[in-house]
């Protein structure tokens, strides 16, 4: 895998890893904060009886009000502004009019394009009171993401991220989904490198200052195997066990890592009982 200065690279996938300068980091701060603000609004909306279609409309209107565009809207024919994945849906669930029910867990995945930069993030939300096993899944999934992020430093390797996640999750008798991964982001929605959430330390591309990508582990209470439904988008666990995901957009700095999508209201960790 080779590297290229982002400012000198065309705005398309080239198979190279882009290295961004201060302008790129500033662009990602703005776009990431906007995505995080949208997810903060979702936090205040999720409740039994609320539909994922209503959540999707909220995010669309927020984007329009702030001069942004949802990246998923019409992406490869996808017709919604978010992905909303409930219970055993692993990712890419399509918003609809069906109301959320007490005890559900739902992931809302938002990517907003702002001034040409893609702020990509997702969070899990409990719907009312949820079972303790679901709470535990959300806690572990969030912690796994943060451990993956904490493994990022210049001179390390992409495999360090996956190893940190896998080594934490699997001893807890949960599984890490292999079929989907994190990805480079910036002025492209999906770019190099792929960030696989399992791995071995010291393997994969070297982490260099200026790299920008997502860390977004999907963790299952059962086995890691998934299947995609006939709509071509919705991925579910094959054993119908619960699945959860958290996602941040991050950048490698000279000394470590910067998270671009932190919640302005402090809604970082899973919040229960509300």
C-alpha atoms as a PDB file:
ATOM      1  CA  UNK A   1       0.000   0.000   0.000  1.00  0.00           C
ATOM      2  CA  UNK A   2       1.415   3.383  -1.003  1.00  0.00           C
ATOM      3  CA  UNK A   3       0.672   6.854   0.321  1.00  0.00           C
ATOM      4  CA  UNK A   4      -0.119  10.144  -1.408  1.00  0.00           C
ATOM      5  CA  UNK A   5      -0.491  13.738  -0.253  1.00  0.00           C
ATOM      6  CA  UNK A   6      -4.254  14.361  -0.284  1.00  0.00           C
ATOM      7  CA  UNK A   7      -3.902  17.803  -1.857  1.00  0.00           C
ATOM      8  CA  UNK A   8      -2.123  16.282  -4.867  1.00  0.00           C
ATOM      9  CA  UNK A   9      -4.494  13.340  -5.381  1.00  0.00           C
ATOM     10  CA  UNK A  10      -7.609  13.262  -7.605  1.00  0.00           C
ATOM     11  CA  UNK A  11     -11.011  13.077  -5.910  1.00  0.00           C
ATOM     12  CA  UNK A  12     -11.505   9.395  -6.613  1.00  0.00           C
ATOM     13  CA  UNK A  13     -10.187   6.137  -5.226  1.00  0.00           C
ATOM     14  CA  UNK A  14      -6.662   5.511  -6.470  1.00  0.00           C
ATOM     15  CA  UNK A  15      -5.696   2.556  -4.298  1.00  0.00           C
ATOM     16  CA  UNK A  16      -3.415   4.833  -2.284  1.00  0.00           C
ATOM     17  CA  UNK A  17      -3.782   6.078   1.283  1.00  0.00           C
ATOM     18  CA  UNK A  18      -4.245   9.860   1.453  1.00  0.00           C
ATOM     19  CA  UNK A  19      -2.265  11.914   3.932  1.00  0.00           C
ATOM     20  CA  UNK A  20      -4.135  15.090   4.891  1.00  0.00           C
ATOM     21  CA  UNK A  21      -2.685  18.351   6.142  1.00  0.00           C
ATOM     22  CA  UNK A  22      -4.098  20.935   8.575  1.00  0.00           C
ATOM     23  CA  UNK A  23      -6.811  21.999   6.105  1.00  0.00           C
ATOM     24  CA  UNK A  24      -8.118  18.442   5.935  1.00  0.00           C
ATOM     25  CA  UNK A  25      -8.191  18.090   9.692  1.00  0.00           C
ATOM     26  CA  UNK A  26     -10.057  21.380  10.020  1.00  0.00           C
ATOM     27  CA  UNK A  27     -12.572  20.276   7.382  1.00  0.00           C
ATOM     28  CA  UNK A  28     -13.132  17.016   9.219  1.00  0.00           C
ATOM     29  CA  UNK A  29     -13.601  18.827  12.531  1.00  0.00           C
ATOM     30  CA  UNK A  30     -16.443  20.853  11.038  1.00  0.00           C
ATOM     31  CA  UNK A  31     -18.104  17.943   9.258  1.00  0.00           C
ATOM     32  CA  UNK A  32     -17.581  15.586  12.191  1.00  0.00           C
ATOM     33  CA  UNK A  33     -19.076  17.998  14.677  1.00  0.00           C
ATOM     34  CA  UNK A  34     -22.146  18.449  12.489  1.00  0.00           C
ATOM     35  CA  UNK A  35     -22.673  14.674  12.278  1.00  0.00           C
ATOM     36  CA  UNK A  36     -22.261  14.448  16.050  1.00  0.00           C
ATOM     37  CA  UNK A  37     -24.799  17.231  16.579  1.00  0.00           C
ATOM     38  CA  UNK A  38     -27.285  15.321  14.431  1.00  0.00           C
ATOM     39  CA  UNK A  39     -26.778  12.213  16.547  1.00  0.00           C
ATOM     40  CA  UNK A  40     -27.275  14.283  19.697  1.00  0.00           C
ATOM     41  CA  UNK A  41     -30.695  15.297  18.329  1.00  0.00           C
ATOM     42  CA  UNK A  42     -31.477  11.643  17.665  1.00  0.00           C
ATOM     43  CA  UNK A  43     -30.631  10.844  21.291  1.00  0.00           C
ATOM     44  CA  UNK A  44     -33.324  13.274  22.407  1.00  0.00           C
ATOM     45  CA  UNK A  45     -35.873  11.768  20.002  1.00  0.00           C
ATOM     46  CA  UNK A  46     -35.515   7.982  20.345  1.00  0.00           C
ATOM     47  CA  UNK A  47     -38.398   6.508  22.346  1.00  0.00           C
ATOM     48  CA  UNK A  48     -41.026   3.771  22.063  1.00  0.00           C
ATOM     49  CA  UNK A  49     -43.523   4.665  19.331  1.00  0.00           C
ATOM     50  CA  UNK A  50     -41.109   6.807  17.292  1.00  0.00           C
ATOM     51  CA  UNK A  51     -40.450   5.494  13.779  1.00  0.00           C
ATOM     52  CA  UNK A  52     -37.047   5.278  12.142  1.00  0.00           C
ATOM     53  CA  UNK A  53     -38.593   7.227   9.245  1.00  0.00           C
ATOM     54  CA  UNK A  54     -39.186  10.120  11.652  1.00  0.00           C
ATOM     55  CA  UNK A  55     -35.554   9.899  12.789  1.00  0.00           C
ATOM     56  CA  UNK A  56     -34.437   9.937   9.165  1.00  0.00           C
ATOM     57  CA  UNK A  57     -36.546  13.025   8.458  1.00  0.00           C
ATOM     58  CA  UNK A  58     -35.054  14.769  11.493  1.00  0.00           C
ATOM     59  CA  UNK A  59     -31.511  14.183  10.233  1.00  0.00           C
ATOM     60  CA  UNK A  60     -32.411  15.317   6.711  1.00  0.00           C
ATOM     61  CA  UNK A  61     -33.968  18.543   7.966  1.00  0.00           C
ATOM     62  CA  UNK A  62     -31.005  19.180  10.277  1.00  0.00           C
ATOM     63  CA  UNK A  63     -28.616  18.728   7.358  1.00  0.00           C
ATOM     64  CA  UNK A  64     -30.597  21.094   5.146  1.00  0.00           C
ATOM     65  CA  UNK A  65     -30.799  23.717   7.898  1.00  0.00           C
ATOM     66  CA  UNK A  66     -27.005  23.631   8.293  1.00  0.00           C
ATOM     67  CA  UNK A  67     -25.904  23.671   4.670  1.00  0.00           C
ATOM     68  CA  UNK A  68     -24.961  19.992   4.612  1.00  0.00           C
ATOM     69  CA  UNK A  69     -26.033  16.971   2.581  1.00  0.00           C
ATOM     70  CA  UNK A  70     -26.612  13.398   3.827  1.00  0.00           C
ATOM     71  CA  UNK A  71     -24.032  11.269   2.027  1.00  0.00           C
ATOM     72  CA  UNK A  72     -26.255   8.185   1.857  1.00  0.00           C
ATOM     73  CA  UNK A  73     -29.104   9.974   0.071  1.00  0.00           C
ATOM     74  CA  UNK A  74     -29.164   8.439  -3.456  1.00  0.00           C
ATOM     75  CA  UNK A  75     -25.775   6.788  -2.848  1.00  0.00           C
ATOM     76  CA  UNK A  76     -25.850   3.771  -5.169  1.00  0.00           C
ATOM     77  CA  UNK A  77     -29.634   4.130  -5.275  1.00  0.00           C
ATOM     78  CA  UNK A  78     -30.133   4.296  -1.483  1.00  0.00           C
ATOM     79  CA  UNK A  79     -33.078   6.622  -0.780  1.00  0.00           C
ATOM     80  CA  UNK A  80     -32.649   7.605   2.877  1.00  0.00           C
ATOM     81  CA  UNK A  81     -30.523  10.063   4.836  1.00  0.00           C
ATOM     82  CA  UNK A  82     -29.486   7.559   7.506  1.00  0.00           C
ATOM     83  CA  UNK A  83     -29.134   3.857   8.161  1.00  0.00           C
ATOM     84  CA  UNK A  84     -31.174   2.595  11.139  1.00  0.00           C
ATOM     85  CA  UNK A  85     -30.346  -0.911  12.325  1.00  0.00           C
ATOM     86  CA  UNK A  86     -32.571  -2.495  14.977  1.00  0.00           C
ATOM     87  CA  UNK A  87     -31.815  -5.486  17.243  1.00  0.00           C
ATOM     88  CA  UNK A  88     -30.389  -8.272  15.029  1.00  0.00           C
ATOM     89  CA  UNK A  89     -29.757  -5.935  12.085  1.00  0.00           C
ATOM     90  CA  UNK A  90     -25.989  -5.541  11.848  1.00  0.00           C
ATOM     91  CA  UNK A  91     -25.870  -2.501   9.566  1.00  0.00           C
ATOM     92  CA  UNK A  92     -27.505  -0.676   6.637  1.00  0.00           C
ATOM     93  CA  UNK A  93     -31.056  -1.016   7.939  1.00  0.00           C
ATOM     94  CA  UNK A  94     -33.461   1.138   5.941  1.00  0.00           C
ATOM     95  CA  UNK A  95     -35.676   3.628   7.841  1.00  0.00           C
ATOM     96  CA  UNK A  96     -39.426   2.956   7.680  1.00  0.00           C
ATOM     97  CA  UNK A  97     -42.720   3.826   9.371  1.00  0.00           C
ATOM     98  CA  UNK A  98     -42.699   0.918  11.851  1.00  0.00           C
ATOM     99  CA  UNK A  99     -42.513   2.313  15.403  1.00  0.00           C
ATOM    100  CA  UNK A 100     -39.687   1.416  17.736  1.00  0.00           C
ATOM    101  CA  UNK A 101     -40.720  -0.782  20.658  1.00  0.00           C
ATOM    102  CA  UNK A 102     -39.765  -0.790  24.319  1.00  0.00           C
ATOM    103  CA  UNK A 103     -36.670  -2.956  24.727  1.00  0.00           C
ATOM    104  CA  UNK A 104     -35.319  -2.439  21.192  1.00  0.00           C
ATOM    105  CA  UNK A 105     -31.786  -1.295  20.507  1.00  0.00           C
ATOM    106  CA  UNK A 106     -31.168   0.798  17.394  1.00  0.00           C
ATOM    107  CA  UNK A 107     -28.058   2.032  15.633  1.00  0.00           C
ATOM    108  CA  UNK A 108     -28.348   5.307  13.729  1.00  0.00           C
ATOM    109  CA  UNK A 109     -25.555   5.871  11.201  1.00  0.00           C
ATOM    110  CA  UNK A 110     -25.128   9.417   9.874  1.00  0.00           C
ATOM    111  CA  UNK A 111     -22.690  10.798   7.310  1.00  0.00           C
ATOM    112  CA  UNK A 112     -23.014  14.484   6.489  1.00  0.00           C
ATOM    113  CA  UNK A 113     -21.119  16.226   3.692  1.00  0.00           C
ATOM    114  CA  UNK A 114     -20.150  19.737   4.775  1.00  0.00           C
ATOM    115  CA  UNK A 115     -17.945  21.951   2.618  1.00  0.00           C
ATOM    116  CA  UNK A 116     -16.877  18.821   0.744  1.00  0.00           C
ATOM    117  CA  UNK A 117     -15.842  16.840   3.842  1.00  0.00           C
ATOM    118  CA  UNK A 118     -17.582  13.698   5.102  1.00  0.00           C
ATOM    119  CA  UNK A 119     -18.380  13.462   8.809  1.00  0.00           C
ATOM    120  CA  UNK A 120     -19.233   9.801   9.448  1.00  0.00           C
ATOM    121  CA  UNK A 121     -20.433   8.470  12.808  1.00  0.00           C
ATOM    122  CA  UNK A 122     -22.959   6.126  14.381  1.00  0.00           C
ATOM    123  CA  UNK A 123     -24.278   5.417  17.857  1.00  0.00           C
ATOM    124  CA  UNK A 124     -26.475   2.871  19.592  1.00  0.00           C
ATOM    125  CA  UNK A 125     -29.651   3.968  21.362  1.00  0.00           C
ATOM    126  CA  UNK A 126     -31.707   1.965  23.864  1.00  0.00           C
ATOM    127  CA  UNK A 127     -35.450   2.295  23.343  1.00  0.00           C
ATOM    128  CA  UNK A 128     -36.844   2.703  26.843  1.00  0.00           C
ATOM    129  CA  UNK A 129     -35.761   0.003  29.278  1.00  0.00           C
ATOM    130  CA  UNK A 130     -33.737  -2.749  27.602  1.00  0.00           C
ATOM    131  CA  UNK A 131     -32.615  -6.178  28.842  1.00  0.00           C
ATOM    132  CA  UNK A 132     -29.343  -6.359  30.734  1.00  0.00           C
ATOM    133  CA  UNK A 133     -27.767  -8.525  28.002  1.00  0.00           C
ATOM    134  CA  UNK A 134     -28.505  -5.745  25.504  1.00  0.00           C
ATOM    135  CA  UNK A 135     -27.002  -3.143  27.854  1.00  0.00           C
ATOM    136  CA  UNK A 136     -23.897  -5.293  28.159  1.00  0.00           C
ATOM    137  CA  UNK A 137     -23.623  -5.607  24.383  1.00  0.00           C
ATOM    138  CA  UNK A 138     -23.781  -1.823  23.988  1.00  0.00           C
ATOM    139  CA  UNK A 139     -21.178  -1.303  26.712  1.00  0.00           C
ATOM    140  CA  UNK A 140     -18.786  -3.814  25.174  1.00  0.00           C
ATOM    141  CA  UNK A 141     -19.259  -2.472  21.649  1.00  0.00           C
ATOM    142  CA  UNK A 142     -18.528   1.099  22.716  1.00  0.00           C
ATOM    143  CA  UNK A 143     -15.496   0.016  24.730  1.00  0.00           C
ATOM    144  CA  UNK A 144     -14.195  -2.045  21.817  1.00  0.00           C
ATOM    145  CA  UNK A 145     -14.364   0.989  19.529  1.00  0.00           C
ATOM    146  CA  UNK A 146     -12.512   3.128  22.044  1.00  0.00           C
ATOM    147  CA  UNK A 147      -9.830   0.475  22.540  1.00  0.00           C
ATOM    148  CA  UNK A 148      -9.369   0.330  18.793  1.00  0.00           C
ATOM    149  CA  UNK A 149      -9.013   4.113  18.659  1.00  0.00           C
ATOM    150  CA  UNK A 150      -6.587   4.142  21.579  1.00  0.00           C
ATOM    151  CA  UNK A 151      -4.334   1.752  19.629  1.00  0.00           C
ATOM    152  CA  UNK A 152      -3.831   4.367  16.891  1.00  0.00           C
ATOM    153  CA  UNK A 153      -0.470   6.120  16.871  1.00  0.00           C
ATOM    154  CA  UNK A 154       2.071   7.065  14.211  1.00  0.00           C
ATOM    155  CA  UNK A 155       4.406   4.177  13.497  1.00  0.00           C
ATOM    156  CA  UNK A 156       1.779   1.618  14.467  1.00  0.00           C
ATOM    157  CA  UNK A 157      -0.169  -0.491  12.005  1.00  0.00           C
ATOM    158  CA  UNK A 158      -3.782  -0.940  10.941  1.00  0.00           C
ATOM    159  CA  UNK A 159      -3.679  -4.447  12.414  1.00  0.00           C
ATOM    160  CA  UNK A 160      -3.145  -2.928  15.868  1.00  0.00           C
ATOM    161  CA  UNK A 161      -6.686  -1.534  15.742  1.00  0.00           C
ATOM    162  CA  UNK A 162      -8.325  -4.840  14.889  1.00  0.00           C
ATOM    163  CA  UNK A 163      -6.222  -6.713  17.440  1.00  0.00           C
ATOM    164  CA  UNK A 164      -7.232  -4.327  20.228  1.00  0.00           C
ATOM    165  CA  UNK A 165     -10.905  -4.857  19.399  1.00  0.00           C
ATOM    166  CA  UNK A 166     -10.751  -8.617  18.877  1.00  0.00           C
ATOM    167  CA  UNK A 167      -8.620  -9.275  21.969  1.00  0.00           C
ATOM    168  CA  UNK A 168     -11.146  -7.432  24.126  1.00  0.00           C
ATOM    169  CA  UNK A 169     -14.400  -8.761  22.651  1.00  0.00           C
ATOM    170  CA  UNK A 170     -13.833 -12.461  22.089  1.00  0.00           C
ATOM    171  CA  UNK A 171     -12.898 -13.399  25.688  1.00  0.00           C
ATOM    172  CA  UNK A 172     -16.273 -11.920  26.681  1.00  0.00           C
ATOM    173  CA  UNK A 173     -18.013 -14.579  24.523  1.00  0.00           C
ATOM    174  CA  UNK A 174     -19.164 -12.095  21.892  1.00  0.00           C
ATOM    175  CA  UNK A 175     -18.061 -11.987  18.268  1.00  0.00           C
ATOM    176  CA  UNK A 176     -16.652  -9.391  15.862  1.00  0.00           C
ATOM    177  CA  UNK A 177     -18.288  -9.110  12.439  1.00  0.00           C
ATOM    178  CA  UNK A 178     -15.800  -9.708   9.614  1.00  0.00           C
ATOM    179  CA  UNK A 179     -18.004  -8.893   6.622  1.00  0.00           C
ATOM    180  CA  UNK A 180     -17.933  -5.107   7.105  1.00  0.00           C
ATOM    181  CA  UNK A 181     -15.119  -2.789   8.092  1.00  0.00           C
ATOM    182  CA  UNK A 182     -14.064   0.791   8.642  1.00  0.00           C
ATOM    183  CA  UNK A 183     -12.642   2.812   5.781  1.00  0.00           C
ATOM    184  CA  UNK A 184     -10.730   5.863   4.752  1.00  0.00           C
ATOM    185  CA  UNK A 185     -12.818   9.025   4.728  1.00  0.00           C
ATOM    186  CA  UNK A 186     -12.283  12.725   4.087  1.00  0.00           C
ATOM    187  CA  UNK A 187     -13.382  14.182   0.766  1.00  0.00           C
ATOM    188  CA  UNK A 188     -14.490  10.726  -0.352  1.00  0.00           C
ATOM    189  CA  UNK A 189     -17.194   8.671   1.362  1.00  0.00           C
ATOM    190  CA  UNK A 190     -15.200   5.423   1.196  1.00  0.00           C
ATOM    191  CA  UNK A 191     -11.462   5.380   0.584  1.00  0.00           C
ATOM    192  CA  UNK A 192      -8.295   3.516   1.546  1.00  0.00           C
ATOM    193  CA  UNK A 193      -7.403   1.963   3.897  1.00  0.00           C
ATOM    194  CA  UNK A 194      -9.885  -0.656   5.010  1.00  0.00           C
ATOM    195  CA  UNK A 195     -10.002  -0.865   8.816  1.00  0.00           C
ATOM    196  CA  UNK A 196     -10.804  -4.479   9.666  1.00  0.00           C
ATOM    197  CA  UNK A 197     -11.920  -4.960  13.263  1.00  0.00           C
ATOM    198  CA  UNK A 198      -9.946  -8.146  13.824  1.00  0.00           C
ATOM    199  CA  UNK A 199      -6.242  -8.541  13.228  1.00  0.00           C
ATOM    200  CA  UNK A 200      -2.713  -8.970  14.452  1.00  0.00           C
ATOM    201  CA  UNK A 201      -0.509  -6.275  15.891  1.00  0.00           C
ATOM    202  CA  UNK A 202       2.221  -5.079  13.575  1.00  0.00           C
ATOM    203  CA  UNK A 203       0.418  -6.171  10.417  1.00  0.00           C
ATOM    204  CA  UNK A 204      -1.254  -4.089   7.700  1.00  0.00           C
ATOM    205  CA  UNK A 205      -0.398  -0.617   6.428  1.00  0.00           C
ATOM    206  CA  UNK A 206       1.653   1.613   8.691  1.00  0.00           C
ATOM    207  CA  UNK A 207      -0.233   4.402  10.461  1.00  0.00           C
ATOM    208  CA  UNK A 208       1.168   7.778   9.396  1.00  0.00           C
ATOM    209  CA  UNK A 209       0.208  11.311  10.456  1.00  0.00           C
ATOM    210  CA  UNK A 210      -2.488  12.677   8.154  1.00  0.00           C
ATOM    211  CA  UNK A 211      -4.416   9.453   7.661  1.00  0.00           C
ATOM    212  CA  UNK A 212      -8.177   9.856   8.222  1.00  0.00           C
ATOM    213  CA  UNK A 213     -10.536   6.894   8.553  1.00  0.00           C
ATOM    214  CA  UNK A 214     -13.409   5.395  10.520  1.00  0.00           C
ATOM    215  CA  UNK A 215     -13.336   2.871  13.349  1.00  0.00           C
ATOM    216  CA  UNK A 216     -16.742   1.176  13.505  1.00  0.00           C
ATOM    217  CA  UNK A 217     -16.794  -2.311  15.047  1.00  0.00           C
ATOM    218  CA  UNK A 218     -19.961  -4.386  14.783  1.00  0.00           C
ATOM    219  CA  UNK A 219     -20.272  -6.802  17.698  1.00  0.00           C
ATOM    220  CA  UNK A 220     -22.713  -9.712  17.958  1.00  0.00           C
ATOM    221  CA  UNK A 221     -24.009 -11.528  21.024  1.00  0.00           C
ATOM    222  CA  UNK A 222     -23.935 -14.705  18.954  1.00  0.00           C
ATOM    223  CA  UNK A 223     -21.795 -15.815  16.037  1.00  0.00           C
ATOM    224  CA  UNK A 224     -20.133 -13.335  13.653  1.00  0.00           C
ATOM    225  CA  UNK A 225     -21.896 -14.563  10.516  1.00  0.00           C
ATOM    226  CA  UNK A 226     -24.227 -12.197   8.655  1.00  0.00           C
ATOM    227  CA  UNK A 227     -26.408 -12.221   5.563  1.00  0.00           C
ATOM    228  CA  UNK A 228     -27.778  -9.440   3.381  1.00  0.00           C
ATOM    229  CA  UNK A 229     -31.541  -9.417   2.800  1.00  0.00           C
ATOM    230  CA  UNK A 230     -33.248  -9.231  -0.575  1.00  0.00           C
ATOM    231  CA  UNK A 231     -33.410  -5.406  -0.464  1.00  0.00           C
ATOM    232  CA  UNK A 232     -29.682  -5.475  -1.173  1.00  0.00           C
ATOM    233  CA  UNK A 233     -28.809  -3.361   1.876  1.00  0.00           C
ATOM    234  CA  UNK A 234     -30.016  -4.736   5.203  1.00  0.00           C
ATOM    235  CA  UNK A 235     -27.439  -7.018   6.845  1.00  0.00           C
ATOM    236  CA  UNK A 236     -28.625  -9.244   9.704  1.00  0.00           C
ATOM    237  CA  UNK A 237     -27.086 -11.838  11.997  1.00  0.00           C
ATOM    238  CA  UNK A 238     -27.624 -15.335  10.641  1.00  0.00           C
ATOM    239  CA  UNK A 239     -28.502 -16.654  14.113  1.00  0.00           C
ATOM    240  CA  UNK A 240     -30.757 -13.613  14.833  1.00  0.00           C
ATOM    241  CA  UNK A 241     -28.657 -12.685  17.873  1.00  0.00           C
ATOM    242  CA  UNK A 242     -28.459  -9.024  18.823  1.00  0.00           C
ATOM    243  CA  UNK A 243     -25.846  -6.856  17.117  1.00  0.00           C
ATOM    244  CA  UNK A 244     -24.466  -3.418  17.954  1.00  0.00           C
ATOM    245  CA  UNK A 245     -22.119  -0.855  16.416  1.00  0.00           C
ATOM    246  CA  UNK A 246     -20.471   2.436  17.300  1.00  0.00           C
ATOM    247  CA  UNK A 247     -18.464   4.551  14.873  1.00  0.00           C
ATOM    248  CA  UNK A 248     -16.131   7.536  14.979  1.00  0.00           C
ATOM    249  CA  UNK A 249     -14.184   9.335  12.257  1.00  0.00           C
ATOM    250  CA  UNK A 250     -10.581   9.824  13.392  1.00  0.00           C
ATOM    251  CA  UNK A 251      -7.286  11.224  12.162  1.00  0.00           C
ATOM    252  CA  UNK A 252      -3.728  10.121  12.920  1.00  0.00           C
ATOM    253  CA  UNK A 253      -1.718  13.009  14.414  1.00  0.00           C
ATOM    254  CA  UNK A 254       1.996  13.454  15.083  1.00  0.00           C
ATOM    255  CA  UNK A 255       1.466  12.194  18.635  1.00  0.00           C
ATOM    256  CA  UNK A 256      -1.580   9.939  18.499  1.00  0.00           C
ATOM    257  CA  UNK A 257      -5.150  10.289  17.283  1.00  0.00           C
ATOM    258  CA  UNK A 258      -7.889  12.910  17.041  1.00  0.00           C
ATOM    259  CA  UNK A 259     -11.590  11.994  17.138  1.00  0.00           C
ATOM    260  CA  UNK A 260     -13.655  14.266  14.891  1.00  0.00           C
ATOM    261  CA  UNK A 261     -17.145  13.060  15.851  1.00  0.00           C
ATOM    262  CA  UNK A 262     -17.316  13.429  19.633  1.00  0.00           C
ATOM    263  CA  UNK A 263     -20.722  14.415  21.017  1.00  0.00           C
ATOM    264  CA  UNK A 264     -20.899  18.153  21.826  1.00  0.00           C
ATOM    265  CA  UNK A 265     -23.417  17.307  24.569  1.00  0.00           C
ATOM    266  CA  UNK A 266     -21.305  14.549  26.096  1.00  0.00           C
ATOM    267  CA  UNK A 267     -23.458  11.675  24.853  1.00  0.00           C
ATOM    268  CA  UNK A 268     -20.358   9.576  24.200  1.00  0.00           C
ATOM    269  CA  UNK A 269     -21.107   6.376  26.068  1.00  0.00           C
ATOM    270  CA  UNK A 270     -24.316   4.307  25.972  1.00  0.00           C
ATOM    271  CA  UNK A 271     -26.955   5.957  28.138  1.00  0.00           C
ATOM    272  CA  UNK A 272     -29.601   3.766  29.746  1.00  0.00           C
ATOM    273  CA  UNK A 273     -32.802   4.357  31.622  1.00  0.00           C
ATOM    274  CA  UNK A 274     -34.129   7.204  29.525  1.00  0.00           C
END
